């Protein structure tokens, strides 16, 4: 299992387009990928757009990415990079 802490940096937060981009990336991996808001503990399956939208992560929210599976190293690197790059919106 691997974990990483990230901050939502894009102005609109984890809105529909960003969530869809995250889901597309997450589904490339066989590992389970979970995002958890650090402020309220709400968590989401990164492979489910409805789950991601439900946690309503706005700009500035700190999140923990938890990845477990055969390709966890590649998965966490890719997901973390999406957040660092602001989902291409910065």
C-alpha atoms as a PDB file:
ATOM      1  CA  UNK A   1       0.000   0.000   0.000  1.00  0.00           C
ATOM      2  CA  UNK A   2       1.188   3.484  -0.854  1.00  0.00           C
ATOM      3  CA  UNK A   3      -0.073   6.862   0.283  1.00  0.00           C
ATOM      4  CA  UNK A   4       0.514  10.434  -0.822  1.00  0.00           C
ATOM      5  CA  UNK A   5      -0.827  13.788   0.354  1.00  0.00           C
ATOM      6  CA  UNK A   6      -1.971  16.300  -2.237  1.00  0.00           C
ATOM      7  CA  UNK A   7      -3.734  19.648  -2.308  1.00  0.00           C
ATOM      8  CA  UNK A   8      -6.434  20.574  -4.802  1.00  0.00           C
ATOM      9  CA  UNK A   9      -4.844  23.561  -6.559  1.00  0.00           C
ATOM     10  CA  UNK A  10      -7.062  24.285  -9.555  1.00  0.00           C
ATOM     11  CA  UNK A  11      -9.588  27.122  -9.091  1.00  0.00           C
ATOM     12  CA  UNK A  12     -12.708  25.023  -9.656  1.00  0.00           C
ATOM     13  CA  UNK A  13     -11.599  22.150  -7.440  1.00  0.00           C
ATOM     14  CA  UNK A  14     -12.474  18.564  -8.248  1.00  0.00           C
ATOM     15  CA  UNK A  15     -15.343  19.519 -10.568  1.00  0.00           C
ATOM     16  CA  UNK A  16     -16.866  17.319 -13.285  1.00  0.00           C
ATOM     17  CA  UNK A  17     -14.118  17.693 -15.914  1.00  0.00           C
ATOM     18  CA  UNK A  18     -11.290  17.206 -13.431  1.00  0.00           C
ATOM     19  CA  UNK A  19     -13.083  14.258 -11.815  1.00  0.00           C
ATOM     20  CA  UNK A  20     -13.609  12.649 -15.228  1.00  0.00           C
ATOM     21  CA  UNK A  21      -9.925  13.098 -16.006  1.00  0.00           C
ATOM     22  CA  UNK A  22      -9.039  11.459 -12.679  1.00  0.00           C
ATOM     23  CA  UNK A  23     -11.416   8.536 -13.318  1.00  0.00           C
ATOM     24  CA  UNK A  24      -9.923   7.931 -16.784  1.00  0.00           C
ATOM     25  CA  UNK A  25      -6.437   7.861 -15.265  1.00  0.00           C
ATOM     26  CA  UNK A  26      -7.428   5.645 -12.316  1.00  0.00           C
ATOM     27  CA  UNK A  27      -9.154   3.085 -14.526  1.00  0.00           C
ATOM     28  CA  UNK A  28      -5.894   2.437 -16.370  1.00  0.00           C
ATOM     29  CA  UNK A  29      -4.612   0.663 -13.255  1.00  0.00           C
ATOM     30  CA  UNK A  30      -5.687  -2.578 -11.607  1.00  0.00           C
ATOM     31  CA  UNK A  31      -4.912  -1.228  -8.127  1.00  0.00           C
ATOM     32  CA  UNK A  32      -7.654   0.127  -5.896  1.00  0.00           C
ATOM     33  CA  UNK A  33      -7.363   3.902  -5.543  1.00  0.00           C
ATOM     34  CA  UNK A  34      -9.062   5.886  -2.802  1.00  0.00           C
ATOM     35  CA  UNK A  35      -9.054   9.628  -2.096  1.00  0.00           C
ATOM     36  CA  UNK A  36      -9.819  10.892   1.392  1.00  0.00           C
ATOM     37  CA  UNK A  37     -10.439  14.501   2.405  1.00  0.00           C
ATOM     38  CA  UNK A  38      -8.241  15.312   5.382  1.00  0.00           C
ATOM     39  CA  UNK A  39     -10.623  17.922   6.802  1.00  0.00           C
ATOM     40  CA  UNK A  40     -13.747  15.781   7.153  1.00  0.00           C
ATOM     41  CA  UNK A  41     -12.666  12.197   6.417  1.00  0.00           C
ATOM     42  CA  UNK A  42     -14.990  11.764   3.418  1.00  0.00           C
ATOM     43  CA  UNK A  43     -13.525   9.246   0.997  1.00  0.00           C
ATOM     44  CA  UNK A  44     -14.111   8.328  -2.625  1.00  0.00           C
ATOM     45  CA  UNK A  45     -13.280   5.557  -5.048  1.00  0.00           C
ATOM     46  CA  UNK A  46     -11.120   7.246  -7.691  1.00  0.00           C
ATOM     47  CA  UNK A  47     -12.645   5.009 -10.368  1.00  0.00           C
ATOM     48  CA  UNK A  48     -16.173   6.379  -9.749  1.00  0.00           C
ATOM     49  CA  UNK A  49     -17.066   9.876 -10.938  1.00  0.00           C
ATOM     50  CA  UNK A  50     -20.141  10.033  -8.699  1.00  0.00           C
ATOM     51  CA  UNK A  51     -18.055   9.078  -5.692  1.00  0.00           C
ATOM     52  CA  UNK A  52     -15.515  11.804  -6.493  1.00  0.00           C
ATOM     53  CA  UNK A  53     -18.141  14.497  -7.059  1.00  0.00           C
ATOM     54  CA  UNK A  54     -19.848  13.558  -3.794  1.00  0.00           C
ATOM     55  CA  UNK A  55     -16.834  14.549  -1.683  1.00  0.00           C
ATOM     56  CA  UNK A  56     -16.951  18.086  -3.181  1.00  0.00           C
ATOM     57  CA  UNK A  57     -13.241  18.872  -2.912  1.00  0.00           C
ATOM     58  CA  UNK A  58     -12.763  22.571  -3.597  1.00  0.00           C
ATOM     59  CA  UNK A  59      -9.530  24.502  -4.080  1.00  0.00           C
ATOM     60  CA  UNK A  60      -7.218  24.223  -1.097  1.00  0.00           C
ATOM     61  CA  UNK A  61      -8.587  20.919   0.226  1.00  0.00           C
ATOM     62  CA  UNK A  62      -5.879  18.527   1.390  1.00  0.00           C
ATOM     63  CA  UNK A  63      -6.389  14.917   0.350  1.00  0.00           C
ATOM     64  CA  UNK A  64      -4.722  11.577   0.936  1.00  0.00           C
ATOM     65  CA  UNK A  65      -4.393   9.204  -1.999  1.00  0.00           C
ATOM     66  CA  UNK A  66      -4.273   5.539  -0.967  1.00  0.00           C
ATOM     67  CA  UNK A  67      -3.335   2.962  -3.592  1.00  0.00           C
ATOM     68  CA  UNK A  68      -3.132  -0.792  -3.131  1.00  0.00           C
ATOM     69  CA  UNK A  69      -2.373  -3.395  -5.769  1.00  0.00           C
ATOM     70  CA  UNK A  70       0.102  -4.760  -8.288  1.00  0.00           C
ATOM     71  CA  UNK A  71       0.708  -1.452 -10.095  1.00  0.00           C
ATOM     72  CA  UNK A  72       0.438   0.845  -7.076  1.00  0.00           C
ATOM     73  CA  UNK A  73       3.770   2.594  -7.684  1.00  0.00           C
ATOM     74  CA  UNK A  74       2.818   3.713 -11.197  1.00  0.00           C
ATOM     75  CA  UNK A  75      -0.753   4.512 -10.162  1.00  0.00           C
ATOM     76  CA  UNK A  76       0.119   6.786  -7.261  1.00  0.00           C
ATOM     77  CA  UNK A  77       2.717   8.624  -9.325  1.00  0.00           C
ATOM     78  CA  UNK A  78       0.195   9.286 -12.113  1.00  0.00           C
ATOM     79  CA  UNK A  79      -2.645  10.367  -9.825  1.00  0.00           C
ATOM     80  CA  UNK A  80      -0.382  12.584  -7.741  1.00  0.00           C
ATOM     81  CA  UNK A  81       0.896  14.244 -10.907  1.00  0.00           C
ATOM     82  CA  UNK A  82      -2.671  15.161 -11.965  1.00  0.00           C
ATOM     83  CA  UNK A  83      -3.095  17.085  -8.714  1.00  0.00           C
ATOM     84  CA  UNK A  84       0.332  18.740  -8.900  1.00  0.00           C
ATOM     85  CA  UNK A  85      -0.413  19.934 -12.432  1.00  0.00           C
ATOM     86  CA  UNK A  86      -3.844  21.236 -11.415  1.00  0.00           C
ATOM     87  CA  UNK A  87      -5.551  18.901 -13.889  1.00  0.00           C
ATOM     88  CA  UNK A  88      -4.078  21.024 -16.702  1.00  0.00           C
ATOM     89  CA  UNK A  89      -5.993  24.103 -15.541  1.00  0.00           C
ATOM     90  CA  UNK A  90      -3.186  26.110 -13.958  1.00  0.00           C
END
